[in-house]
Amino acid sequence: KAEEIERNDAFFEDQIKDGSLPDTA
């Protein structure tokens, strides 16, 4: 499910980058 994981990370990109959310993996 690498593609779905990548798409999900893109949706939460800002929060993942600032550390407020873990990435999908």
mmCIF file of all heavy atoms, coordinates in Angstrom:
data_MODEL
# 
_entry.id   MODEL 
# 
loop_
_atom_site.group_PDB 
_atom_site.id 
_atom_site.type_symbol 
_atom_site.label_atom_id 
_atom_site.label_alt_id 
_atom_site.label_comp_id 
_atom_site.label_asym_id 
_atom_site.label_entity_id 
_atom_site.label_seq_id 
_atom_site.pdbx_PDB_ins_code 
_atom_site.Cartn_x 
_atom_site.Cartn_y 
_atom_site.Cartn_z 
_atom_site.occupancy 
_atom_site.B_iso_or_equiv 
_atom_site.pdbx_formal_charge 
_atom_site.auth_seq_id 
_atom_site.auth_comp_id 
_atom_site.auth_asym_id 
_atom_site.auth_atom_id 
_atom_site.pdbx_PDB_model_num 
ATOM 1   N N   . LYS A 1 1  ? 0.821  -1.211 0.000  1.00 0.00 ? 1  LYS A N   1 
ATOM 2   C CA  . LYS A 1 1  ? 0.000  0.000  0.000  1.00 0.00 ? 1  LYS A CA  1 
ATOM 3   C C   . LYS A 1 1  ? 0.859  1.268  0.000  1.00 0.00 ? 1  LYS A C   1 
ATOM 4   O O   . LYS A 1 1  ? 0.461  2.312  0.516  1.00 0.00 ? 1  LYS A O   1 
ATOM 5   C CB  . LYS A 1 1  ? -0.935 -0.009 1.220  1.00 0.00 ? 1  LYS A CB  1 
ATOM 6   C CG  . LYS A 1 1  ? -1.900 -1.184 1.243  1.00 0.00 ? 1  LYS A CG  1 
ATOM 7   C CD  . LYS A 1 1  ? -2.803 -1.183 0.007  1.00 0.00 ? 1  LYS A CD  1 
ATOM 8   C CE  . LYS A 1 1  ? -3.742 -2.365 -0.027 1.00 0.00 ? 1  LYS A CE  1 
ATOM 9   N NZ  . LYS A 1 1  ? -4.528 -2.404 -1.286 1.00 0.00 ? 1  LYS A NZ  1 
ATOM 10  N N   . ALA A 1 2  ? 2.016  1.195  -0.635 1.00 0.00 ? 2  ALA A N   1 
ATOM 11  C CA  . ALA A 1 2  ? 2.939  2.331  -0.647 1.00 0.00 ? 2  ALA A CA  1 
ATOM 12  C C   . ALA A 1 2  ? 2.313  3.580  -1.257 1.00 0.00 ? 2  ALA A C   1 
ATOM 13  O O   . ALA A 1 2  ? 2.518  4.698  -0.765 1.00 0.00 ? 2  ALA A O   1 
ATOM 14  C CB  . ALA A 1 2  ? 4.218  1.955  -1.395 1.00 0.00 ? 2  ALA A CB  1 
ATOM 15  N N   . GLU A 1 3  ? 1.541  3.421  -2.331 1.00 0.00 ? 3  GLU A N   1 
ATOM 16  C CA  . GLU A 1 3  ? 0.936  4.581  -2.979 1.00 0.00 ? 3  GLU A CA  1 
ATOM 17  C C   . GLU A 1 3  ? -0.103 5.242  -2.080 1.00 0.00 ? 3  GLU A C   1 
ATOM 18  O O   . GLU A 1 3  ? -0.163 6.476  -1.982 1.00 0.00 ? 3  GLU A O   1 
ATOM 19  C CB  . GLU A 1 3  ? 0.303  4.174  -4.312 1.00 0.00 ? 3  GLU A CB  1 
ATOM 20  C CG  . GLU A 1 3  ? 1.312  3.801  -5.375 1.00 0.00 ? 3  GLU A CG  1 
ATOM 21  C CD  . GLU A 1 3  ? 0.654  3.531  -6.713 1.00 0.00 ? 3  GLU A CD  1 
ATOM 22  O OE1 . GLU A 1 3  ? -0.565 3.792  -6.845 1.00 0.00 ? 3  GLU A OE1 1 
ATOM 23  O OE2 . GLU A 1 3  ? 1.355  3.062  -7.632 1.00 0.00 ? 3  GLU A OE2 1 
ATOM 24  N N   . GLU A 1 4  ? -0.935 4.412  -1.428 1.00 0.00 ? 4  GLU A N   1 
ATOM 25  C CA  . GLU A 1 4  ? -1.942 4.967  -0.523 1.00 0.00 ? 4  GLU A CA  1 
ATOM 26  C C   . GLU A 1 4  ? -1.285 5.679  0.664  1.00 0.00 ? 4  GLU A C   1 
ATOM 27  O O   . GLU A 1 4  ? -1.752 6.730  1.113  1.00 0.00 ? 4  GLU A O   1 
ATOM 28  C CB  . GLU A 1 4  ? -2.870 3.867  -0.018 1.00 0.00 ? 4  GLU A CB  1 
ATOM 29  C CG  . GLU A 1 4  ? -3.844 3.334  -1.036 1.00 0.00 ? 4  GLU A CG  1 
ATOM 30  C CD  . GLU A 1 4  ? -3.236 2.274  -1.956 1.00 0.00 ? 4  GLU A CD  1 
ATOM 31  O OE1 . GLU A 1 4  ? -2.020 1.967  -1.804 1.00 0.00 ? 4  GLU A OE1 1 
ATOM 32  O OE2 . GLU A 1 4  ? -3.972 1.771  -2.827 1.00 0.00 ? 4  GLU A OE2 1 
ATOM 33  N N   . ILE A 1 5  ? -0.191 5.103  1.164  1.00 0.00 ? 5  ILE A N   1 
ATOM 34  C CA  . ILE A 1 5  ? 0.534  5.716  2.275  1.00 0.00 ? 5  ILE A CA  1 
ATOM 35  C C   . ILE A 1 5  ? 1.113  7.064  1.848  1.00 0.00 ? 5  ILE A C   1 
ATOM 36  O O   . ILE A 1 5  ? 1.036  8.060  2.585  1.00 0.00 ? 5  ILE A O   1 
ATOM 37  C CB  . ILE A 1 5  ? 1.641  4.755  2.768  1.00 0.00 ? 5  ILE A CB  1 
ATOM 38  C CG1 . ILE A 1 5  ? 0.995  3.545  3.467  1.00 0.00 ? 5  ILE A CG1 1 
ATOM 39  C CG2 . ILE A 1 5  ? 2.618  5.472  3.700  1.00 0.00 ? 5  ILE A CG2 1 
ATOM 40  C CD1 . ILE A 1 5  ? 1.954  2.419  3.751  1.00 0.00 ? 5  ILE A CD1 1 
ATOM 41  N N   . GLU A 1 6  ? 1.670  7.112  0.644  1.00 0.00 ? 6  GLU A N   1 
ATOM 42  C CA  . GLU A 1 6  ? 2.228  8.367  0.130  1.00 0.00 ? 6  GLU A CA  1 
ATOM 43  C C   . GLU A 1 6  ? 1.148  9.438  -0.020 1.00 0.00 ? 6  GLU A C   1 
ATOM 44  O O   . GLU A 1 6  ? 1.356  10.606 0.331  1.00 0.00 ? 6  GLU A O   1 
ATOM 45  C CB  . GLU A 1 6  ? 2.920  8.115  -1.206 1.00 0.00 ? 6  GLU A CB  1 
ATOM 46  C CG  . GLU A 1 6  ? 3.608  9.336  -1.780 1.00 0.00 ? 6  GLU A CG  1 
ATOM 47  C CD  . GLU A 1 6  ? 4.338  9.052  -3.076 1.00 0.00 ? 6  GLU A CD  1 
ATOM 48  O OE1 . GLU A 1 6  ? 4.365  7.876  -3.510 1.00 0.00 ? 6  GLU A OE1 1 
ATOM 49  O OE2 . GLU A 1 6  ? 4.875  10.006 -3.670 1.00 0.00 ? 6  GLU A OE2 1 
ATOM 50  N N   . ARG A 1 7  ? -0.026 9.029  -0.535 1.00 0.00 ? 7  ARG A N   1 
ATOM 51  C CA  . ARG A 1 7  ? -1.121 9.990  -0.697 1.00 0.00 ? 7  ARG A CA  1 
ATOM 52  C C   . ARG A 1 7  ? -1.603 10.501 0.654  1.00 0.00 ? 7  ARG A C   1 
ATOM 53  O O   . ARG A 1 7  ? -1.920 11.690 0.815  1.00 0.00 ? 7  ARG A O   1 
ATOM 54  C CB  . ARG A 1 7  ? -2.287 9.350  -1.463 1.00 0.00 ? 7  ARG A CB  1 
ATOM 55  C CG  . ARG A 1 7  ? -2.060 9.267  -2.960 1.00 0.00 ? 7  ARG A CG  1 
ATOM 56  C CD  . ARG A 1 7  ? -3.359 9.001  -3.688 1.00 0.00 ? 7  ARG A CD  1 
ATOM 57  N NE  . ARG A 1 7  ? -3.870 7.672  -3.418 1.00 0.00 ? 7  ARG A NE  1 
ATOM 58  C CZ  . ARG A 1 7  ? -3.579 6.605  -4.155 1.00 0.00 ? 7  ARG A CZ  1 
ATOM 59  N NH1 . ARG A 1 7  ? -2.785 6.717  -5.207 1.00 0.00 ? 7  ARG A NH1 1 
ATOM 60  N NH2 . ARG A 1 7  ? -4.097 5.431  -3.864 1.00 0.00 ? 7  ARG A NH2 1 
ATOM 61  N N   . ASN A 1 8  ? -1.663 9.613  1.628  1.00 0.00 ? 8  ASN A N   1 
ATOM 62  C CA  . ASN A 1 8  ? -2.107 10.026 2.960  1.00 0.00 ? 8  ASN A CA  1 
ATOM 63  C C   . ASN A 1 8  ? -1.106 10.988 3.589  1.00 0.00 ? 8  ASN A C   1 
ATOM 64  O O   . ASN A 1 8  ? -1.493 11.989 4.213  1.00 0.00 ? 8  ASN A O   1 
ATOM 65  C CB  . ASN A 1 8  ? -2.306 8.799  3.845  1.00 0.00 ? 8  ASN A CB  1 
ATOM 66  C CG  . ASN A 1 8  ? -3.250 9.055  5.001  1.00 0.00 ? 8  ASN A CG  1 
ATOM 67  O OD1 . ASN A 1 8  ? -4.364 9.524  4.811  1.00 0.00 ? 8  ASN A OD1 1 
ATOM 68  N ND2 . ASN A 1 8  ? -2.795 8.750  6.208  1.00 0.00 ? 8  ASN A ND2 1 
ATOM 69  N N   . ASP A 1 9  ? 0.180  10.715 3.428  1.00 0.00 ? 9  ASP A N   1 
ATOM 70  C CA  . ASP A 1 9  ? 1.203  11.613 3.947  1.00 0.00 ? 9  ASP A CA  1 
ATOM 71  C C   . ASP A 1 9  ? 1.097  12.996 3.299  1.00 0.00 ? 9  ASP A C   1 
ATOM 72  O O   . ASP A 1 9  ? 1.298  14.023 3.960  1.00 0.00 ? 9  ASP A O   1 
ATOM 73  C CB  . ASP A 1 9  ? 2.596  11.041 3.696  1.00 0.00 ? 9  ASP A CB  1 
ATOM 74  C CG  . ASP A 1 9  ? 2.971  9.948  4.685  1.00 0.00 ? 9  ASP A CG  1 
ATOM 75  O OD1 . ASP A 1 9  ? 2.282  9.809  5.719  1.00 0.00 ? 9  ASP A OD1 1 
ATOM 76  O OD2 . ASP A 1 9  ? 3.960  9.242  4.431  1.00 0.00 ? 9  ASP A OD2 1 
ATOM 77  N N   . ALA A 1 10 ? 0.786  13.019 1.997  1.00 0.00 ? 10 ALA A N   1 
ATOM 78  C CA  . ALA A 1 10 ? 0.655  14.294 1.299  1.00 0.00 ? 10 ALA A CA  1 
ATOM 79  C C   . ALA A 1 10 ? -0.495 15.120 1.873  1.00 0.00 ? 10 ALA A C   1 
ATOM 80  O O   . ALA A 1 10 ? -0.404 16.348 1.981  1.00 0.00 ? 10 ALA A O   1 
ATOM 81  C CB  . ALA A 1 10 ? 0.452  14.064 -0.198 1.00 0.00 ? 10 ALA A CB  1 
ATOM 82  N N   . PHE A 1 11 ? -1.580 14.445 2.256  1.00 0.00 ? 11 PHE A N   1 
ATOM 83  C CA  . PHE A 1 11 ? -2.739 15.146 2.817  1.00 0.00 ? 11 PHE A CA  1 
ATOM 84  C C   . PHE A 1 11 ? -2.390 15.798 4.154  1.00 0.00 ? 11 PHE A C   1 
ATOM 85  O O   . PHE A 1 11 ? -2.860 16.891 4.464  1.00 0.00 ? 11 PHE A O   1 
ATOM 86  C CB  . PHE A 1 11 ? -3.894 14.154 2.989  1.00 0.00 ? 11 PHE A CB  1 
ATOM 87  C CG  . PHE A 1 11 ? -5.170 14.787 3.450  1.00 0.00 ? 11 PHE A CG  1 
ATOM 88  C CD1 . PHE A 1 11 ? -5.995 15.451 2.558  1.00 0.00 ? 11 PHE A CD1 1 
ATOM 89  C CD2 . PHE A 1 11 ? -5.560 14.725 4.778  1.00 0.00 ? 11 PHE A CD2 1 
ATOM 90  C CE1 . PHE A 1 11 ? -7.172 16.052 2.975  1.00 0.00 ? 11 PHE A CE1 1 
ATOM 91  C CE2 . PHE A 1 11 ? -6.732 15.314 5.214  1.00 0.00 ? 11 PHE A CE2 1 
ATOM 92  C CZ  . PHE A 1 11 ? -7.544 15.982 4.303  1.00 0.00 ? 11 PHE A CZ  1 
ATOM 93  N N   . PHE A 1 12 ? -1.557 15.131 4.951  1.00 0.00 ? 12 PHE A N   1 
ATOM 94  C CA  . PHE A 1 12 ? -1.181 15.636 6.276  1.00 0.00 ? 12 PHE A CA  1 
ATOM 95  C C   . PHE A 1 12 ? 0.234  16.232 6.267  1.00 0.00 ? 12 PHE A C   1 
ATOM 96  O O   . PHE A 1 12 ? 0.876  16.322 7.318  1.00 0.00 ? 12 PHE A O   1 
ATOM 97  C CB  . PHE A 1 12 ? -1.244 14.506 7.307  1.00 0.00 ? 12 PHE A CB  1 
ATOM 98  C CG  . PHE A 1 12 ? -2.627 14.006 7.600  1.00 0.00 ? 12 PHE A CG  1 
ATOM 99  C CD1 . PHE A 1 12 ? -3.084 12.820 7.027  1.00 0.00 ? 12 PHE A CD1 1 
ATOM 100 C CD2 . PHE A 1 12 ? -3.478 14.699 8.431  1.00 0.00 ? 12 PHE A CD2 1 
ATOM 101 C CE1 . PHE A 1 12 ? -4.360 12.347 7.294  1.00 0.00 ? 12 PHE A CE1 1 
ATOM 102 C CE2 . PHE A 1 12 ? -4.756 14.232 8.709  1.00 0.00 ? 12 PHE A CE2 1 
ATOM 103 C CZ  . PHE A 1 12 ? -5.204 13.052 8.135  1.00 0.00 ? 12 PHE A CZ  1 
ATOM 104 N N   . GLU A 1 13 ? 0.697  16.650 5.101  1.00 0.00 ? 13 GLU A N   1 
ATOM 105 C CA  . GLU A 1 13 ? 2.096  17.040 4.923  1.00 0.00 ? 13 GLU A CA  1 
ATOM 106 C C   . GLU A 1 13 ? 2.577  18.072 5.933  1.00 0.00 ? 13 GLU A C   1 
ATOM 107 O O   . GLU A 1 13 ? 3.643  17.918 6.556  1.00 0.00 ? 13 GLU A O   1 
ATOM 108 C CB  . GLU A 1 13 ? 2.296  17.572 3.502  1.00 0.00 ? 13 GLU A CB  1 
ATOM 109 C CG  . GLU A 1 13 ? 3.732  17.975 3.196  1.00 0.00 ? 13 GLU A CG  1 
ATOM 110 C CD  . GLU A 1 13 ? 3.905  18.453 1.770  1.00 0.00 ? 13 GLU A CD  1 
ATOM 111 O OE1 . GLU A 1 13 ? 2.883  18.617 1.065  1.00 0.00 ? 13 GLU A OE1 1 
ATOM 112 O OE2 . GLU A 1 13 ? 5.062  18.660 1.363  1.00 0.00 ? 13 GLU A OE2 1 
ATOM 113 N N   . ASP A 1 14 ? 1.836  19.134 6.117  1.00 0.00 ? 14 ASP A N   1 
ATOM 114 C CA  . ASP A 1 14 ? 2.286  20.210 6.998  1.00 0.00 ? 14 ASP A CA  1 
ATOM 115 C C   . ASP A 1 14 ? 2.418  19.745 8.442  1.00 0.00 ? 14 ASP A C   1 
ATOM 116 O O   . ASP A 1 14 ? 3.404  20.064 9.130  1.00 0.00 ? 14 ASP A O   1 
ATOM 117 C CB  . ASP A 1 14 ? 1.329  21.402 6.923  1.00 0.00 ? 14 ASP A CB  1 
ATOM 118 C CG  . ASP A 1 14 ? 1.381  22.109 5.582  1.00 0.00 ? 14 ASP A CG  1 
ATOM 119 O OD1 . ASP A 1 14 ? 2.379  21.914 4.851  1.00 0.00 ? 14 ASP A OD1 1 
ATOM 120 O OD2 . ASP A 1 14 ? 0.418  22.837 5.255  1.00 0.00 ? 14 ASP A OD2 1 
ATOM 121 N N   . GLN A 1 15 ? 1.421  18.982 8.919  1.00 0.00 ? 15 GLN A N   1 
ATOM 122 C CA  . GLN A 1 15 ? 1.454  18.512 10.310 1.00 0.00 ? 15 GLN A CA  1 
ATOM 123 C C   . GLN A 1 15 ? 2.565  17.489 10.525 1.00 0.00 ? 15 GLN A C   1 
ATOM 124 O O   . GLN A 1 15 ? 3.156  17.419 11.605 1.00 0.00 ? 15 GLN A O   1 
ATOM 125 C CB  . GLN A 1 15 ? 0.106  17.913 10.704 1.00 0.00 ? 15 GLN A CB  1 
ATOM 126 C CG  . GLN A 1 15 ? -1.046 18.908 10.680 1.00 0.00 ? 15 GLN A CG  1 
ATOM 127 C CD  . GLN A 1 15 ? -1.852 18.801 9.413  1.00 0.00 ? 15 GLN A CD  1 
ATOM 128 O OE1 . GLN A 1 15 ? -1.298 18.752 8.308  1.00 0.00 ? 15 GLN A OE1 1 
ATOM 129 N NE2 . GLN A 1 15 ? -3.174 18.764 9.558  1.00 0.00 ? 15 GLN A NE2 1 
ATOM 130 N N   . ILE A 1 16 ? 2.828  16.673 9.513  1.00 0.00 ? 16 ILE A N   1 
ATOM 131 C CA  . ILE A 1 16 ? 3.919  15.705 9.625  1.00 0.00 ? 16 ILE A CA  1 
ATOM 132 C C   . ILE A 1 16 ? 5.260  16.437 9.666  1.00 0.00 ? 16 ILE A C   1 
ATOM 133 O O   . ILE A 1 16 ? 6.144  16.109 10.472 1.00 0.00 ? 16 ILE A O   1 
ATOM 134 C CB  . ILE A 1 16 ? 3.872  14.694 8.458  1.00 0.00 ? 16 ILE A CB  1 
ATOM 135 C CG1 . ILE A 1 16 ? 2.640  13.782 8.601  1.00 0.00 ? 16 ILE A CG1 1 
ATOM 136 C CG2 . ILE A 1 16 ? 5.147  13.844 8.422  1.00 0.00 ? 16 ILE A CG2 1 
ATOM 137 C CD1 . ILE A 1 16 ? 2.376  12.905 7.398  1.00 0.00 ? 16 ILE A CD1 1 
ATOM 138 N N   . LYS A 1 17 ? 5.404  17.448 8.825  1.00 0.00 ? 17 LYS A N   1 
ATOM 139 C CA  . LYS A 1 17 ? 6.659  18.199 8.774  1.00 0.00 ? 17 LYS A CA  1 
ATOM 140 C C   . LYS A 1 17 ? 6.952  18.928 10.068 1.00 0.00 ? 17 LYS A C   1 
ATOM 141 O O   . LYS A 1 17 ? 8.111  19.010 10.511 1.00 0.00 ? 17 LYS A O   1 
ATOM 142 C CB  . LYS A 1 17 ? 6.629  19.195 7.610  1.00 0.00 ? 17 LYS A CB  1 
ATOM 143 C CG  . LYS A 1 17 ? 6.900  18.566 6.247  1.00 0.00 ? 17 LYS A CG  1 
ATOM 144 C CD  . LYS A 1 17 ? 6.954  19.633 5.165  1.00 0.00 ? 17 LYS A CD  1 
ATOM 145 C CE  . LYS A 1 17 ? 7.299  19.025 3.816  1.00 0.00 ? 17 LYS A CE  1 
ATOM 146 N NZ  . LYS A 1 17 ? 7.339  20.061 2.742  1.00 0.00 ? 17 LYS A NZ  1 
ATOM 147 N N   . ASP A 1 18 ? 5.907  19.480 10.703 1.00 0.00 ? 18 ASP A N   1 
ATOM 148 C CA  . ASP A 1 18 ? 6.171  20.236 11.941 1.00 0.00 ? 18 ASP A CA  1 
ATOM 149 C C   . ASP A 1 18 ? 6.181  19.341 13.188 1.00 0.00 ? 18 ASP A C   1 
ATOM 150 O O   . ASP A 1 18 ? 6.342  19.820 14.307 1.00 0.00 ? 18 ASP A O   1 
ATOM 151 C CB  . ASP A 1 18 ? 5.180  21.384 12.110 1.00 0.00 ? 18 ASP A CB  1 
ATOM 152 C CG  . ASP A 1 18 ? 3.740  20.934 12.370 1.00 0.00 ? 18 ASP A CG  1 
ATOM 153 O OD1 . ASP A 1 18 ? 3.511  19.783 12.769 1.00 0.00 ? 18 ASP A OD1 1 
ATOM 154 O OD2 . ASP A 1 18 ? 2.809  21.760 12.163 1.00 0.00 ? 18 ASP A OD2 1 
ATOM 155 N N   . GLY A 1 19 ? 6.000  18.033 12.970 1.00 0.00 ? 19 GLY A N   1 
ATOM 156 C CA  . GLY A 1 19 ? 6.114  17.092 14.076 1.00 0.00 ? 19 GLY A CA  1 
ATOM 157 C C   . GLY A 1 19 ? 4.866  16.920 14.915 1.00 0.00 ? 19 GLY A C   1 
ATOM 158 O O   . GLY A 1 19 ? 4.883  16.186 15.915 1.00 0.00 ? 19 GLY A O   1 
ATOM 159 N N   . SER A 1 20 ? 3.768  17.572 14.517 1.00 0.00 ? 20 SER A N   1 
ATOM 160 C CA  . SER A 1 20 ? 2.542  17.450 15.309 1.00 0.00 ? 20 SER A CA  1 
ATOM 161 C C   . SER A 1 20 ? 1.798  16.147 15.024 1.00 0.00 ? 20 SER A C   1 
ATOM 162 O O   . SER A 1 20 ? 0.904  15.765 15.786 1.00 0.00 ? 20 SER A O   1 
ATOM 163 C CB  . SER A 1 20 ? 1.623  18.653 15.070 1.00 0.00 ? 20 SER A CB  1 
ATOM 164 O OG  . SER A 1 20 ? 1.271  18.765 13.702 1.00 0.00 ? 20 SER A OG  1 
ATOM 165 N N   . LEU A 1 21 ? 2.153  15.481 13.923 1.00 0.00 ? 21 LEU A N   1 
ATOM 166 C CA  . LEU A 1 21 ? 1.573  14.174 13.600 1.00 0.00 ? 21 LEU A CA  1 
ATOM 167 C C   . LEU A 1 21 ? 2.679  13.224 13.165 1.00 0.00 ? 21 LEU A C   1 
ATOM 168 O O   . LEU A 1 21 ? 3.654  13.640 12.522 1.00 0.00 ? 21 LEU A O   1 
ATOM 169 C CB  . LEU A 1 21 ? 0.561  14.289 12.450 1.00 0.00 ? 21 LEU A CB  1 
ATOM 170 C CG  . LEU A 1 21 ? -0.784 14.946 12.710 1.00 0.00 ? 21 LEU A CG  1 
ATOM 171 C CD1 . LEU A 1 21 ? -1.615 14.937 11.426 1.00 0.00 ? 21 LEU A CD1 1 
ATOM 172 C CD2 . LEU A 1 21 ? -1.540 14.259 13.831 1.00 0.00 ? 21 LEU A CD2 1 
ATOM 173 N N   . PRO A 1 22 ? 2.530  11.933 13.469 1.00 0.00 ? 22 PRO A N   1 
ATOM 174 C CA  . PRO A 1 22 ? 3.432  10.947 12.880 1.00 0.00 ? 22 PRO A CA  1 
ATOM 175 C C   . PRO A 1 22 ? 3.075  10.749 11.415 1.00 0.00 ? 22 PRO A C   1 
ATOM 176 O O   . PRO A 1 22 ? 1.956  11.073 10.997 1.00 0.00 ? 22 PRO A O   1 
ATOM 177 C CB  . PRO A 1 22 ? 3.135  9.683  13.692 1.00 0.00 ? 22 PRO A CB  1 
ATOM 178 C CG  . PRO A 1 22 ? 1.698  9.827  14.092 1.00 0.00 ? 22 PRO A CG  1 
ATOM 179 C CD  . PRO A 1 22 ? 1.506  11.311 14.325 1.00 0.00 ? 22 PRO A CD  1 
ATOM 180 N N   . ASP A 1 23 ? 4.023  10.254 10.626 1.00 0.00 ? 23 ASP A N   1 
ATOM 181 C CA  . ASP A 1 23 ? 3.649  9.925  9.258  1.00 0.00 ? 23 ASP A CA  1 
ATOM 182 C C   . ASP A 1 23 ? 2.826  8.642  9.259  1.00 0.00 ? 23 ASP A C   1 
ATOM 183 O O   . ASP A 1 23 ? 2.660  7.975  10.290 1.00 0.00 ? 23 ASP A O   1 
ATOM 184 C CB  . ASP A 1 23 ? 4.871  9.827  8.340  1.00 0.00 ? 23 ASP A CB  1 
ATOM 185 C CG  . ASP A 1 23 ? 5.858  8.752  8.762  1.00 0.00 ? 23 ASP A CG  1 
ATOM 186 O OD1 . ASP A 1 23 ? 5.461  7.751  9.393  1.00 0.00 ? 23 ASP A OD1 1 
ATOM 187 O OD2 . ASP A 1 23 ? 7.057  8.906  8.448  1.00 0.00 ? 23 ASP A OD2 1 
ATOM 188 N N   . THR A 1 24 ? 2.275  8.296  8.106  1.00 0.00 ? 24 THR A N   1 
ATOM 189 C CA  . THR A 1 24 ? 1.327  7.176  8.035  1.00 0.00 ? 24 THR A CA  1 
ATOM 190 C C   . THR A 1 24 ? 1.990  5.844  8.360  1.00 0.00 ? 24 THR A C   1 
ATOM 191 O O   . THR A 1 24 ? 1.398  4.999  9.035  1.00 0.00 ? 24 THR A O   1 
ATOM 192 C CB  . THR A 1 24 ? 0.678  7.124  6.645  1.00 0.00 ? 24 THR A CB  1 
ATOM 193 O OG1 . THR A 1 24 ? 0.105  8.397  6.345  1.00 0.00 ? 24 THR A OG1 1 
ATOM 194 C CG2 . THR A 1 24 ? -0.411 6.061  6.592  1.00 0.00 ? 24 THR A CG2 1 
ATOM 195 N N   . ALA A 1 25 ? 3.234  5.650  7.891  1.00 0.00 ? 25 ALA A N   1 
ATOM 196 C CA  . ALA A 1 25 ? 3.937  4.398  8.184  1.00 0.00 ? 25 ALA A CA  1 
ATOM 197 C C   . ALA A 1 25 ? 4.158  4.251  9.686  1.00 0.00 ? 25 ALA A C   1 
ATOM 198 O O   . ALA A 1 25 ? 3.997  3.152  10.248 1.00 0.00 ? 25 ALA A O   1 
ATOM 199 C CB  . ALA A 1 25 ? 5.264  4.355  7.436  1.00 0.00 ? 25 ALA A CB  1 
# 
